[in-house]
Amino acid sequence: MASGYPHGKFRFKVEIDGLTAGGFSEVSGFDASIDVIEYREGDKVQTPLKVPGLKKYGNITLKQGLMESDVLYKWMEEGFEKDVNRKTITITLMNIAGEDAASWQVINAWPTKYTAPDFNATSSEIAIETLEIAHEGMKRTK
């Protein structure tokens, strides 16, 4: 259902193959860039030649309200005890009707940092756990 308007960023889902981790309140940081290598020969004009260099993908940060399930923590813990367990993550933006509007697939993802929530006896906020994910590529699938 095409509405002609841009989609809001507040309705999305995250699927991590093989993990049931609950809903996420925030996903941030996934980006891609290509380094620029400048090269200039001594007898050429002053403007250097620009050549594509390394391709880089930023780490993704997932945040969710702390649940009784410790699936995300266990995924991180596996990497400390043995080899990291790489997974495919799909991040999907949904339209107002709850249908998939855009989707990105994150390839060979693994947790690189886990942050437990802060605690404060005078606060009335939800306890949020954070998982930072490294990966080897992403592609838009829809």
N, C-alpha and C. Protein backbone atom coordinates (compact mmCIF):
# COMPACT_ATOMS: atom_id res chain seq x y z
N MET A 1 0.85 -1.18 0.00
CA MET A 1 0.00 0.00 0.00
C MET A 1 0.89 1.23 0.00
N ALA A 2 1.05 1.87 -1.15
CA ALA A 2 1.89 3.05 -1.27
C ALA A 2 1.07 4.29 -0.93
N SER A 3 1.53 5.04 0.06
CA SER A 3 0.79 6.21 0.51
C SER A 3 1.32 7.49 -0.10
N GLY A 4 2.51 7.47 -0.64
CA GLY A 4 3.10 8.68 -1.17
C GLY A 4 3.83 9.51 -0.12
N TYR A 5 3.83 9.06 1.12
CA TYR A 5 4.50 9.75 2.20
C TYR A 5 5.67 8.90 2.72
N PRO A 6 6.70 9.56 3.25
CA PRO A 6 7.79 8.80 3.86
C PRO A 6 7.29 8.04 5.09
N HIS A 7 7.97 6.97 5.42
CA HIS A 7 7.59 6.15 6.56
C HIS A 7 8.20 6.68 7.86
N GLY A 8 7.48 6.53 8.95
CA GLY A 8 8.03 6.86 10.26
C GLY A 8 9.07 5.82 10.65
N LYS A 9 9.97 6.19 11.53
CA LYS A 9 11.04 5.27 11.93
C LYS A 9 10.74 4.53 13.22
N PHE A 10 9.53 4.65 13.71
CA PHE A 10 9.18 4.10 15.02
C PHE A 10 8.56 2.71 14.98
N ARG A 11 8.30 2.17 13.79
CA ARG A 11 7.70 0.84 13.71
C ARG A 11 8.62 -0.08 12.91
N PHE A 12 9.26 -1.01 13.60
CA PHE A 12 10.25 -1.87 12.95
C PHE A 12 10.33 -3.18 13.70
N LYS A 13 10.97 -4.16 13.04
CA LYS A 13 11.22 -5.44 13.70
C LYS A 13 12.62 -5.88 13.37
N VAL A 14 13.20 -6.66 14.30
CA VAL A 14 14.55 -7.19 14.14
C VAL A 14 14.45 -8.69 14.29
N GLU A 15 14.98 -9.41 13.29
CA GLU A 15 15.00 -10.87 13.35
C GLU A 15 16.45 -11.33 13.31
N ILE A 16 16.83 -12.13 14.30
CA ILE A 16 18.18 -12.68 14.37
C ILE A 16 18.03 -14.18 14.21
N ASP A 17 18.58 -14.75 13.11
CA ASP A 17 18.28 -16.15 12.84
C ASP A 17 18.62 -17.06 14.01
N GLY A 18 17.64 -17.82 14.39
CA GLY A 18 17.84 -18.78 15.46
C GLY A 18 17.67 -18.23 16.86
N LEU A 19 17.44 -16.91 17.00
CA LEU A 19 17.28 -16.32 18.34
C LEU A 19 15.90 -15.69 18.47
N THR A 20 15.27 -15.91 19.59
CA THR A 20 14.05 -15.19 19.92
C THR A 20 14.41 -14.27 21.07
N ALA A 21 14.58 -13.00 20.75
CA ALA A 21 15.10 -12.08 21.75
C ALA A 21 14.09 -11.04 22.19
N GLY A 22 12.89 -11.04 21.69
CA GLY A 22 11.92 -10.03 22.06
C GLY A 22 12.05 -8.80 21.19
N GLY A 23 11.23 -7.79 21.47
CA GLY A 23 11.23 -6.58 20.67
C GLY A 23 12.34 -5.62 21.07
N PHE A 24 12.75 -4.82 20.14
CA PHE A 24 13.80 -3.85 20.38
C PHE A 24 13.20 -2.45 20.37
N SER A 25 13.69 -1.59 21.24
CA SER A 25 13.21 -0.22 21.30
C SER A 25 14.02 0.71 20.40
N GLU A 26 15.24 0.27 20.06
CA GLU A 26 16.10 1.13 19.24
C GLU A 26 17.12 0.29 18.48
N VAL A 27 17.34 0.67 17.23
CA VAL A 27 18.40 0.10 16.40
C VAL A 27 19.13 1.30 15.81
N SER A 28 20.44 1.34 15.98
CA SER A 28 21.18 2.49 15.45
C SER A 28 22.55 2.07 14.95
N GLY A 29 23.12 2.95 14.13
CA GLY A 29 24.52 2.81 13.75
C GLY A 29 24.80 1.98 12.51
N PHE A 30 23.76 1.44 11.85
CA PHE A 30 24.17 0.64 10.71
C PHE A 30 24.34 1.53 9.49
N ASP A 31 25.58 1.50 8.98
CA ASP A 31 25.95 2.31 7.84
C ASP A 31 27.06 1.62 7.06
N ALA A 32 27.31 2.13 5.88
CA ALA A 32 28.36 1.58 5.02
C ALA A 32 29.12 2.74 4.39
N SER A 33 30.43 2.55 4.20
CA SER A 33 31.23 3.59 3.56
C SER A 33 32.38 2.95 2.78
N ILE A 34 32.90 3.70 1.85
CA ILE A 34 34.07 3.27 1.08
C ILE A 34 35.16 4.32 1.28
N ASP A 35 36.31 3.90 1.77
CA ASP A 35 37.43 4.83 1.94
C ASP A 35 37.87 5.36 0.57
N VAL A 36 38.36 6.59 0.58
CA VAL A 36 38.88 7.21 -0.63
C VAL A 36 40.41 7.27 -0.51
N ILE A 37 41.09 6.74 -1.51
CA ILE A 37 42.54 6.81 -1.58
C ILE A 37 42.90 7.87 -2.61
N GLU A 38 43.67 8.85 -2.18
CA GLU A 38 44.10 9.89 -3.12
C GLU A 38 45.51 9.57 -3.58
N TYR A 39 45.71 9.70 -4.89
CA TYR A 39 47.02 9.39 -5.48
C TYR A 39 47.36 10.48 -6.48
N ARG A 40 48.59 10.94 -6.41
CA ARG A 40 49.03 11.96 -7.36
C ARG A 40 50.46 11.69 -7.77
N GLU A 41 50.66 11.60 -9.06
CA GLU A 41 52.02 11.47 -9.58
C GLU A 41 52.67 12.84 -9.60
N GLY A 42 53.96 12.88 -9.43
CA GLY A 42 54.68 14.15 -9.31
C GLY A 42 54.58 15.07 -10.50
N ASP A 43 54.42 14.52 -11.70
CA ASP A 43 54.40 15.38 -12.88
C ASP A 43 52.98 15.65 -13.40
N LYS A 44 51.95 15.30 -12.62
CA LYS A 44 50.56 15.49 -13.05
C LYS A 44 50.01 16.79 -12.47
N VAL A 45 48.80 17.11 -12.88
CA VAL A 45 48.15 18.33 -12.39
C VAL A 45 47.96 18.24 -10.87
N GLN A 46 47.58 19.36 -10.27
CA GLN A 46 47.49 19.42 -8.82
C GLN A 46 46.37 18.57 -8.23
N THR A 47 45.36 18.25 -9.00
CA THR A 47 44.24 17.47 -8.47
C THR A 47 44.59 15.99 -8.44
N PRO A 48 44.53 15.36 -7.26
CA PRO A 48 44.88 13.94 -7.19
C PRO A 48 43.79 13.05 -7.76
N LEU A 49 44.19 11.88 -8.19
CA LEU A 49 43.27 10.85 -8.63
C LEU A 49 42.64 10.24 -7.38
N LYS A 50 41.34 10.00 -7.42
CA LYS A 50 40.66 9.38 -6.28
C LYS A 50 40.27 7.96 -6.66
N VAL A 51 40.72 7.01 -5.81
CA VAL A 51 40.52 5.59 -6.05
C VAL A 51 39.76 4.99 -4.87
N PRO A 52 38.79 4.10 -5.15
CA PRO A 52 38.08 3.47 -4.03
C PRO A 52 39.00 2.56 -3.23
N GLY A 53 38.85 2.62 -1.90
CA GLY A 53 39.68 1.81 -1.01
C GLY A 53 38.83 0.77 -0.29
N LEU A 54 39.13 0.57 0.99
CA LEU A 54 38.43 -0.44 1.79
C LEU A 54 36.96 -0.08 1.99
N LYS A 55 36.14 -1.09 1.98
CA LYS A 55 34.72 -0.93 2.28
C LYS A 55 34.54 -1.22 3.77
N LYS A 56 33.78 -0.37 4.46
CA LYS A 56 33.62 -0.50 5.90
C LYS A 56 32.14 -0.46 6.27
N TYR A 57 31.81 -1.20 7.31
CA TYR A 57 30.45 -1.24 7.83
C TYR A 57 30.50 -0.89 9.31
N GLY A 58 29.68 0.06 9.72
CA GLY A 58 29.63 0.46 11.12
C GLY A 58 28.96 -0.60 11.98
N ASN A 59 29.31 -0.63 13.25
CA ASN A 59 28.67 -1.55 14.19
C ASN A 59 27.23 -1.11 14.43
N ILE A 60 26.37 -2.06 14.65
CA ILE A 60 24.96 -1.82 14.90
C ILE A 60 24.72 -1.96 16.40
N THR A 61 23.94 -1.05 16.95
CA THR A 61 23.58 -1.11 18.37
C THR A 61 22.10 -1.45 18.49
N LEU A 62 21.81 -2.51 19.23
CA LEU A 62 20.44 -2.93 19.50
C LEU A 62 20.13 -2.66 20.97
N LYS A 63 18.97 -2.05 21.23
CA LYS A 63 18.56 -1.80 22.61
C LYS A 63 17.18 -2.39 22.82
N GLN A 64 17.02 -3.02 23.98
CA GLN A 64 15.71 -3.58 24.31
C GLN A 64 15.49 -3.53 25.82
N GLY A 65 14.22 -3.50 26.19
CA GLY A 65 13.88 -3.58 27.60
C GLY A 65 14.30 -4.94 28.14
N LEU A 66 14.90 -4.95 29.31
CA LEU A 66 15.40 -6.19 29.90
C LEU A 66 14.23 -7.13 30.21
N MET A 67 14.33 -8.33 29.68
CA MET A 67 13.30 -9.35 29.88
C MET A 67 13.93 -10.48 30.70
N GLU A 68 13.13 -11.45 31.09
CA GLU A 68 13.68 -12.60 31.81
C GLU A 68 14.56 -13.44 30.92
N SER A 69 14.32 -13.42 29.61
CA SER A 69 15.14 -14.17 28.67
C SER A 69 16.54 -13.55 28.59
N ASP A 70 17.56 -14.38 28.62
CA ASP A 70 18.94 -13.89 28.52
C ASP A 70 19.59 -14.32 27.21
N VAL A 71 18.79 -14.43 26.16
CA VAL A 71 19.26 -14.92 24.86
C VAL A 71 20.39 -14.05 24.31
N LEU A 72 20.24 -12.74 24.35
CA LEU A 72 21.28 -11.87 23.80
C LEU A 72 22.58 -11.99 24.59
N TYR A 73 22.48 -12.03 25.90
CA TYR A 73 23.67 -12.17 26.72
C TYR A 73 24.37 -13.50 26.44
N LYS A 74 23.60 -14.57 26.31
CA LYS A 74 24.19 -15.89 26.03
C LYS A 74 24.91 -15.91 24.68
N TRP A 75 24.37 -15.20 23.69
CA TRP A 75 25.01 -15.11 22.38
C TRP A 75 26.37 -14.43 22.55
N MET A 76 26.42 -13.36 23.32
CA MET A 76 27.68 -12.68 23.58
C MET A 76 28.64 -13.58 24.36
N GLU A 77 28.12 -14.27 25.37
CA GLU A 77 28.92 -15.13 26.22
C GLU A 77 29.58 -16.26 25.44
N GLU A 78 28.89 -16.77 24.41
CA GLU A 78 29.46 -17.83 23.56
C GLU A 78 30.80 -17.39 22.97
N GLY A 79 30.88 -16.11 22.57
CA GLY A 79 32.10 -15.59 21.97
C GLY A 79 33.27 -15.54 22.94
N PHE A 80 32.99 -15.45 24.24
CA PHE A 80 34.06 -15.46 25.24
C PHE A 80 34.56 -16.88 25.49
N GLU A 81 33.66 -17.85 25.40
CA GLU A 81 34.01 -19.22 25.75
C GLU A 81 34.54 -20.03 24.57
N LYS A 82 34.15 -19.66 23.36
CA LYS A 82 34.60 -20.36 22.15
C LYS A 82 34.53 -19.37 20.99
N ASP A 83 34.50 -19.85 19.76
CA ASP A 83 34.42 -18.95 18.61
C ASP A 83 33.10 -18.19 18.60
N VAL A 84 33.13 -16.98 18.02
CA VAL A 84 31.90 -16.21 17.90
C VAL A 84 30.93 -16.94 16.97
N ASN A 85 29.66 -16.80 17.25
CA ASN A 85 28.61 -17.44 16.46
C ASN A 85 27.99 -16.38 15.55
N ARG A 86 28.34 -16.43 14.27
CA ARG A 86 27.87 -15.42 13.31
C ARG A 86 26.45 -15.75 12.86
N LYS A 87 25.64 -14.72 12.76
CA LYS A 87 24.24 -14.89 12.38
C LYS A 87 23.85 -13.83 11.35
N THR A 88 22.73 -14.06 10.69
CA THR A 88 22.15 -13.08 9.79
C THR A 88 21.06 -12.33 10.55
N ILE A 89 21.10 -11.01 10.47
CA ILE A 89 20.10 -10.17 11.11
C ILE A 89 19.32 -9.46 10.02
N THR A 90 18.00 -9.46 10.15
CA THR A 90 17.15 -8.72 9.22
C THR A 90 16.44 -7.62 9.99
N ILE A 91 16.59 -6.40 9.52
CA ILE A 91 15.95 -5.24 10.13
C ILE A 91 14.92 -4.74 9.12
N THR A 92 13.66 -4.70 9.55
CA THR A 92 12.57 -4.36 8.65
C THR A 92 11.78 -3.18 9.19
N LEU A 93 11.61 -2.16 8.36
CA LEU A 93 10.76 -1.02 8.67
C LEU A 93 9.35 -1.36 8.19
N MET A 94 8.36 -1.10 9.03
CA MET A 94 6.98 -1.42 8.66
C MET A 94 6.18 -0.13 8.44
N ASN A 95 5.20 -0.21 7.55
CA ASN A 95 4.35 0.94 7.32
C ASN A 95 3.24 1.01 8.37
N ILE A 96 2.37 1.97 8.25
CA ILE A 96 1.33 2.20 9.25
C ILE A 96 0.36 1.02 9.35
N ALA A 97 0.24 0.25 8.27
CA ALA A 97 -0.65 -0.92 8.26
C ALA A 97 0.04 -2.17 8.81
N GLY A 98 1.30 -2.05 9.20
CA GLY A 98 2.04 -3.19 9.74
C GLY A 98 2.66 -4.07 8.68
N GLU A 99 2.68 -3.61 7.43
CA GLU A 99 3.29 -4.37 6.33
C GLU A 99 4.75 -3.96 6.18
N ASP A 100 5.58 -4.86 5.66
CA ASP A 100 6.99 -4.56 5.43
C ASP A 100 7.12 -3.46 4.38
N ALA A 101 7.86 -2.39 4.71
CA ALA A 101 8.05 -1.28 3.78
C ALA A 101 9.47 -1.26 3.22
N ALA A 102 10.46 -1.57 4.04
CA ALA A 102 11.86 -1.62 3.62
C ALA A 102 12.56 -2.62 4.53
N SER A 103 13.60 -3.26 3.99
CA SER A 103 14.27 -4.29 4.77
C SER A 103 15.76 -4.33 4.43
N TRP A 104 16.57 -4.55 5.47
CA TRP A 104 18.02 -4.68 5.30
C TRP A 104 18.47 -5.99 5.92
N GLN A 105 19.37 -6.66 5.24
CA GLN A 105 19.93 -7.91 5.76
C GLN A 105 21.39 -7.64 6.15
N VAL A 106 21.73 -7.99 7.38
CA VAL A 106 23.07 -7.79 7.91
C VAL A 106 23.75 -9.15 7.94
N ILE A 107 24.92 -9.24 7.32
CA ILE A 107 25.57 -10.52 7.05
C ILE A 107 26.71 -10.79 8.03
N ASN A 108 26.82 -12.05 8.48
CA ASN A 108 27.88 -12.50 9.38
C ASN A 108 28.00 -11.62 10.62
N ALA A 109 26.89 -11.39 11.27
CA ALA A 109 26.85 -10.54 12.45
C ALA A 109 27.19 -11.32 13.71
N TRP A 110 27.88 -10.66 14.64
CA TRP A 110 28.22 -11.27 15.92
C TRP A 110 28.36 -10.16 16.96
N PRO A 111 28.02 -10.49 18.21
CA PRO A 111 28.06 -9.47 19.26
C PRO A 111 29.49 -9.14 19.68
N THR A 112 29.76 -7.86 19.77
CA THR A 112 31.08 -7.41 20.18
C THR A 112 31.08 -6.72 21.54
N LYS A 113 29.88 -6.32 22.00
CA LYS A 113 29.81 -5.65 23.30
C LYS A 113 28.40 -5.78 23.85
N TYR A 114 28.31 -6.13 25.12
CA TYR A 114 27.03 -6.20 25.82
C TYR A 114 27.08 -5.21 26.98
N THR A 115 26.01 -4.43 27.15
CA THR A 115 25.93 -3.50 28.27
C THR A 115 24.65 -3.78 29.04
N ALA A 116 24.81 -4.10 30.30
CA ALA A 116 23.66 -4.32 31.18
C ALA A 116 23.05 -2.96 31.51
N PRO A 117 21.79 -2.94 31.97
CA PRO A 117 21.15 -1.66 32.28
C PRO A 117 21.77 -0.99 33.51
N ASP A 118 21.59 0.32 33.57
CA ASP A 118 21.92 1.07 34.78
C ASP A 118 20.74 0.91 35.74
N PHE A 119 21.02 0.97 37.02
CA PHE A 119 19.95 0.83 38.00
C PHE A 119 19.90 2.08 38.88
N ASN A 120 18.67 2.50 39.24
CA ASN A 120 18.48 3.68 40.05
C ASN A 120 17.16 3.53 40.79
N ALA A 121 17.20 3.46 42.10
CA ALA A 121 16.01 3.22 42.91
C ALA A 121 15.00 4.36 42.83
N THR A 122 15.41 5.55 42.40
CA THR A 122 14.48 6.67 42.33
C THR A 122 13.92 6.89 40.93
N SER A 123 14.29 6.04 39.99
CA SER A 123 13.86 6.18 38.61
C SER A 123 12.60 5.37 38.32
N SER A 124 11.82 5.84 37.36
CA SER A 124 10.66 5.06 36.91
C SER A 124 10.80 4.71 35.43
N GLU A 125 12.03 4.43 35.01
CA GLU A 125 12.32 4.08 33.62
C GLU A 125 12.46 2.56 33.47
N ILE A 126 12.32 2.11 32.24
CA ILE A 126 12.52 0.70 31.91
C ILE A 126 14.02 0.39 31.91
N ALA A 127 14.40 -0.77 32.41
CA ALA A 127 15.80 -1.22 32.36
C ALA A 127 16.11 -1.65 30.92
N ILE A 128 17.12 -1.04 30.31
CA ILE A 128 17.47 -1.29 28.91
C ILE A 128 18.82 -2.00 28.84
N GLU A 129 18.86 -3.13 28.10
CA GLU A 129 20.14 -3.78 27.81
C GLU A 129 20.53 -3.45 26.38
N THR A 130 21.83 -3.38 26.14
CA THR A 130 22.36 -2.97 24.85
C THR A 130 23.32 -4.02 24.32
N LEU A 131 23.21 -4.32 23.03
CA LEU A 131 24.11 -5.25 22.38
C LEU A 131 24.68 -4.58 21.14
N GLU A 132 26.02 -4.50 21.07
CA GLU A 132 26.66 -3.94 19.88
C GLU A 132 27.08 -5.09 18.98
N ILE A 133 26.76 -4.95 17.70
CA ILE A 133 26.95 -6.02 16.72
C ILE A 133 27.96 -5.58 15.66
N ALA A 134 28.99 -6.39 15.44
CA ALA A 134 29.91 -6.20 14.31
C ALA A 134 29.40 -7.08 13.17
N HIS A 135 29.70 -6.72 11.94
CA HIS A 135 29.24 -7.53 10.81
C HIS A 135 30.12 -7.29 9.59
N GLU A 136 29.89 -8.10 8.57
CA GLU A 136 30.75 -8.05 7.38
C GLU A 136 30.01 -7.56 6.14
N GLY A 137 28.87 -6.97 6.31
CA GLY A 137 28.17 -6.43 5.15
C GLY A 137 26.68 -6.33 5.37
N MET A 138 26.05 -5.49 4.55
CA MET A 138 24.61 -5.38 4.60
C MET A 138 24.09 -5.10 3.21
N LYS A 139 22.85 -5.49 3.00
CA LYS A 139 22.23 -5.19 1.70
C LYS A 139 20.76 -4.89 1.94
N ARG A 140 20.25 -3.99 1.15
CA ARG A 140 18.82 -3.69 1.23
C ARG A 140 18.10 -4.72 0.39
N THR A 141 17.17 -5.42 1.01
CA THR A 141 16.46 -6.51 0.31
C THR A 141 15.06 -6.10 -0.12
N LYS A 142 14.59 -4.98 0.34
CA LYS A 142 13.28 -4.47 -0.09
C LYS A 142 13.30 -2.97 -0.07
